[in-house]
C-alpha cells in the first residue's frame, strides 16, 4: 500500500504505528550548519587585521598512498629546505612571524614538489607587506609607509591552488601500444624496489659460497 497516495488519517483511529520519516544519522545535531558564528568572525577579522583571514601560508602537496597521490591539496607547513633555497630565502625563525607555516617533520621527496613550493613562497614574499611592530618605528625588512597606506586585508583563500586539467590528444590504438601493459610494468617495478635488499643479500651469499 502506498501511504503517499492515501487520504489523511489518524494513527489513533487505525491503530497503526507508523515510523517517522526523519532518517537522521547518529549525532546529526553536531553537523548542522549554522550561521551563529558570523558576529565572532567579524570580530576576528578586526582583531587580526592586517593579517589574511585564511591564516598562514601552507605548501602545495600531494596526498599519500596510491589512492590519493593524484590529488593536489594544501599541506601542513613548508620544509626547512624550501625556506633555505636561494630563490625564496627566508630565515626559519622569522617565517612564522610573517605568516608562513613551517613543518620540520615534512621531507621533500621529489624535485618537482620542491620547486613548486619554492615558487609558491617566492610569490607570497613578492606580495607580502610587513607592518612595523610599533607604529612609526621602522626596522630593516619593514615595508615603506606608502605601501602600508595602500595595504588591504586578504579575505578568502590565500594564494589558492590552481588545479590544471591535463591535456590529452586523441590517437588510434596500434599493436605496439596494446602490447605495452603499463599497470603490470608498474607492479613489477614496485616489487623490484621492495626486494632490493633481499636480492642483494642473496647474491652476496651466493658469491661467498662460490669462493669456498
Protein backbone atom coordinates (compact mmCIF):
# COMPACT_ATOMS: atom_id res chain seq x y z
CA UNK A 1 0.00 0.00 0.00
CA UNK A 2 1.36 3.42 -0.95
CA UNK A 3 0.90 5.78 2.02
CA UNK A 4 1.77 8.82 -0.11
CA UNK A 5 -1.41 8.45 -2.17
CA UNK A 6 -3.83 7.51 0.62
CA UNK A 7 -6.04 10.20 2.24
CA UNK A 8 -5.01 11.67 5.61
CA UNK A 9 -5.95 9.56 8.60
CA UNK A 10 -5.30 9.46 12.32
CA UNK A 11 -2.91 6.99 13.89
CA UNK A 12 -5.22 6.56 16.90
CA UNK A 13 -8.16 5.54 14.72
CA UNK A 14 -6.34 2.94 12.63
CA UNK A 15 -4.15 1.62 15.46
CA UNK A 16 -1.20 1.74 13.04
CA UNK A 17 2.25 2.58 14.39
CA UNK A 18 3.88 4.42 11.51
CA UNK A 19 7.60 5.11 11.72
CA UNK A 20 8.61 8.72 11.24
CA UNK A 21 10.41 9.55 8.02
CA UNK A 22 13.16 11.54 9.70
CA UNK A 23 16.06 9.28 8.77
CA UNK A 24 18.91 11.07 10.52
CA UNK A 25 22.42 9.87 11.21
CA UNK A 26 23.76 9.36 14.68
CA UNK A 27 24.78 12.63 16.36
CA UNK A 28 23.35 14.56 13.40
CA UNK A 29 22.92 17.68 15.52
CA UNK A 30 26.69 18.06 15.74
CA UNK A 31 26.93 18.53 11.95
CA UNK A 32 24.14 21.04 11.39
CA UNK A 33 25.44 24.08 9.51
CA UNK A 34 24.54 27.27 11.35
CA UNK A 35 25.38 30.93 10.91
CA UNK A 36 25.69 31.94 14.56
CA UNK A 37 29.46 32.38 14.20
CA UNK A 38 29.22 35.42 11.92
CA UNK A 39 29.50 38.03 14.72
CA UNK A 40 32.54 36.23 16.08
CA UNK A 41 34.10 36.04 12.63
CA UNK A 42 33.63 39.76 12.07
CA UNK A 43 35.34 40.47 15.41
CA UNK A 44 38.18 38.16 14.45
CA UNK A 45 38.72 39.99 11.16
CA UNK A 46 39.11 43.26 13.03
CA UNK A 47 41.42 41.69 15.60
CA UNK A 48 43.83 40.02 13.18
CA UNK A 49 43.95 42.94 10.71
CA UNK A 50 46.02 43.29 8.52
CA UNK A 51 46.80 39.55 8.50
CA UNK A 52 44.99 37.35 5.93
CA UNK A 53 41.74 35.82 7.12
CA UNK A 54 42.67 32.34 5.86
CA UNK A 55 45.66 32.08 8.19
CA UNK A 56 49.32 31.42 7.34
CA UNK A 57 50.72 30.21 4.03
CA UNK A 58 50.63 26.43 3.51
CA UNK A 59 52.60 24.36 0.97
CA UNK A 60 51.23 22.59 -2.09
CA UNK A 61 51.46 18.83 -1.56
CA UNK A 62 50.04 15.60 -2.91
CA UNK A 63 48.09 13.06 -0.89
CA UNK A 64 49.79 9.95 0.39
CA UNK A 65 49.36 6.37 -0.93
CA UNK A 66 48.45 5.30 -4.44
CA UNK A 67 44.82 6.18 -3.91
CA UNK A 68 45.29 9.90 -3.20
CA UNK A 69 48.66 10.80 -4.76
CA UNK A 70 46.97 12.26 -7.87
CA UNK A 71 45.16 14.88 -5.78
CA UNK A 72 46.84 18.21 -5.01
CA UNK A 73 45.95 19.88 -1.73
CA UNK A 74 47.33 22.23 0.92
CA UNK A 75 49.86 20.73 3.32
CA UNK A 76 50.75 21.43 6.93
CA UNK A 77 53.89 23.52 6.61
CA UNK A 78 56.91 24.32 4.47
CA UNK A 79 60.13 22.36 4.95
CA UNK A 80 63.41 23.83 6.15
CA UNK A 81 65.00 23.11 2.74
CA UNK A 82 62.31 25.13 0.97
CA UNK A 83 62.90 28.08 3.30
CA UNK A 84 66.69 27.93 2.80
CA UNK A 85 66.50 27.94 -1.01
CA UNK A 86 68.21 30.86 -2.76
CA UNK A 87 65.08 31.83 -4.69
CA UNK A 88 62.79 32.02 -1.66
CA UNK A 89 65.49 32.60 1.02
CA UNK A 90 63.52 33.04 4.23
CA UNK A 91 65.15 32.69 7.63
CA UNK A 92 63.49 29.88 9.56
CA UNK A 93 62.79 31.68 12.90
CA UNK A 94 61.27 34.67 11.08
CA UNK A 95 58.97 32.60 8.83
CA UNK A 96 56.15 32.05 11.39
CA UNK A 97 56.16 35.75 12.29
CA UNK A 98 55.37 36.80 8.70
CA UNK A 99 52.57 34.31 8.11
CA UNK A 100 54.43 31.21 6.85
CA UNK A 101 53.70 27.83 8.43
CA UNK A 102 56.78 25.64 8.98
CA UNK A 103 56.86 21.86 9.42
CA UNK A 104 60.27 20.42 10.31
CA UNK A 105 58.94 16.84 10.02
CA UNK A 106 58.00 17.05 6.34
CA UNK A 107 60.58 15.98 3.75
CA UNK A 108 60.91 16.79 0.06
CA UNK A 109 60.53 13.55 -1.87
CA UNK A 110 60.70 15.00 -5.39
CA UNK A 111 62.35 17.89 -7.17
CA UNK A 112 59.08 18.96 -8.81
CA UNK A 113 57.29 19.37 -5.48
CA UNK A 114 60.27 21.27 -4.08
CA UNK A 115 60.33 23.73 -7.00
CA UNK A 116 56.55 24.26 -6.83
CA UNK A 117 56.69 25.24 -3.16
CA UNK A 118 59.75 27.46 -3.69
CA UNK A 119 57.86 29.34 -6.40
CA UNK A 120 54.78 29.42 -4.14
CA UNK A 121 56.85 31.00 -1.37
CA UNK A 122 58.51 33.46 -3.75
CA UNK A 123 55.10 34.67 -5.00
CA UNK A 124 53.97 35.14 -1.41
CA UNK A 125 57.04 37.19 -0.50
CA UNK A 126 56.56 39.46 -3.52
CA UNK A 127 53.02 40.32 -2.41
CA UNK A 128 53.87 40.47 1.30
CA UNK A 129 53.51 43.76 3.18
CA UNK A 130 55.28 43.81 6.56
CA UNK A 131 53.95 46.28 9.13
CA UNK A 132 56.29 47.60 11.84
CA UNK A 133 55.85 46.06 15.27
CA UNK A 134 55.48 49.53 16.78
CA UNK A 135 53.73 52.26 14.80
CA UNK A 136 56.17 54.77 13.36
CA UNK A 137 59.29 52.76 14.31
CA UNK A 138 60.50 51.15 11.09
CA UNK A 139 63.19 48.46 11.06
CA UNK A 140 65.04 46.57 8.35
CA UNK A 141 62.61 44.41 6.38
CA UNK A 142 59.50 46.54 7.05
CA UNK A 143 57.54 47.90 4.09
CA UNK A 144 57.57 51.59 3.20
CA UNK A 145 54.94 53.98 4.52
CA UNK A 146 53.46 54.45 1.02
CA UNK A 147 52.95 50.68 0.69
CA UNK A 148 51.38 50.43 4.14
CA UNK A 149 48.85 53.13 3.28
CA UNK A 150 47.53 51.12 0.31
CA UNK A 151 47.63 47.70 2.01
CA UNK A 152 44.39 45.72 2.24
CA UNK A 153 43.44 42.60 4.17
CA UNK A 154 43.23 39.44 2.04
CA UNK A 155 39.87 37.80 2.64
CA UNK A 156 39.28 34.29 1.37
CA UNK A 157 41.85 31.67 0.33
CA UNK A 158 45.48 32.79 0.48
CA UNK A 159 47.15 32.07 -2.89
CA UNK A 160 44.62 29.34 -3.82
CA UNK A 161 45.90 26.22 -5.56
CA UNK A 162 45.28 26.27 -9.31
CA UNK A 163 44.14 22.84 -10.47
CA UNK A 164 45.22 22.44 -14.08
CA UNK A 165 43.35 20.00 -16.26
CA UNK A 166 45.72 17.60 -18.07
CA UNK A 167 45.55 17.84 -21.85
CA UNK A 168 45.45 14.66 -23.92
CA UNK A 169 45.46 14.07 -27.66
CA UNK A 170 43.21 11.52 -29.32
CA UNK A 171 45.02 8.80 -31.24
CA UNK A 172 44.30 5.40 -32.69
CA UNK A 173 45.39 2.30 -30.83
CA UNK A 174 48.12 0.37 -32.57
CA UNK A 175 49.58 -3.05 -31.95
CA UNK A 176 52.65 -1.51 -30.30
CA UNK A 177 50.51 0.45 -27.82
CA UNK A 178 48.35 -2.51 -26.87
CA UNK A 179 51.42 -4.71 -26.39
CA UNK A 180 52.70 -2.47 -23.57
CA UNK A 181 50.93 -3.14 -20.28
CA UNK A 182 51.57 -0.10 -18.12
CA UNK A 183 49.92 -1.35 -14.93
CA UNK A 184 51.82 -4.64 -14.97
CA UNK A 185 55.08 -2.80 -15.56
CA UNK A 186 54.48 -0.54 -12.54
CA UNK A 187 53.67 -3.53 -10.34
CA UNK A 188 56.88 -5.28 -11.39
CA UNK A 189 58.94 -2.16 -10.64
CA UNK A 190 57.35 -1.82 -7.19
CA UNK A 191 58.21 -5.44 -6.41
CA UNK A 192 61.78 -4.90 -7.60
CA UNK A 193 62.19 -1.89 -5.31
CA UNK A 194 60.84 -3.74 -2.28
CA UNK A 195 63.16 -6.73 -2.86
CA UNK A 196 66.40 -4.83 -3.49
CA UNK A 197 67.88 -5.60 -0.08
CA UNK A 198 66.88 -9.27 -0.02
CA UNK A 199 68.20 -9.91 -3.52
CA UNK A 200 71.50 -8.14 -2.78
CA UNK A 201 71.93 -10.25 0.36
CA UNK A 202 71.15 -13.42 -1.57
CA UNK A 203 73.66 -12.51 -4.28
CA UNK A 204 76.40 -11.80 -1.72
CA UNK A 205 75.78 -15.14 -0.01
CA UNK A 206 75.96 -16.92 -3.36
CA UNK A 207 79.34 -15.29 -4.08
CA UNK A 208 80.71 -16.41 -0.71
CA UNK A 209 79.61 -19.99 -1.38
CA UNK A 210 81.28 -19.95 -4.81
CA UNK A 211 84.57 -18.76 -3.28
CA UNK A 212 84.50 -21.64 -0.82
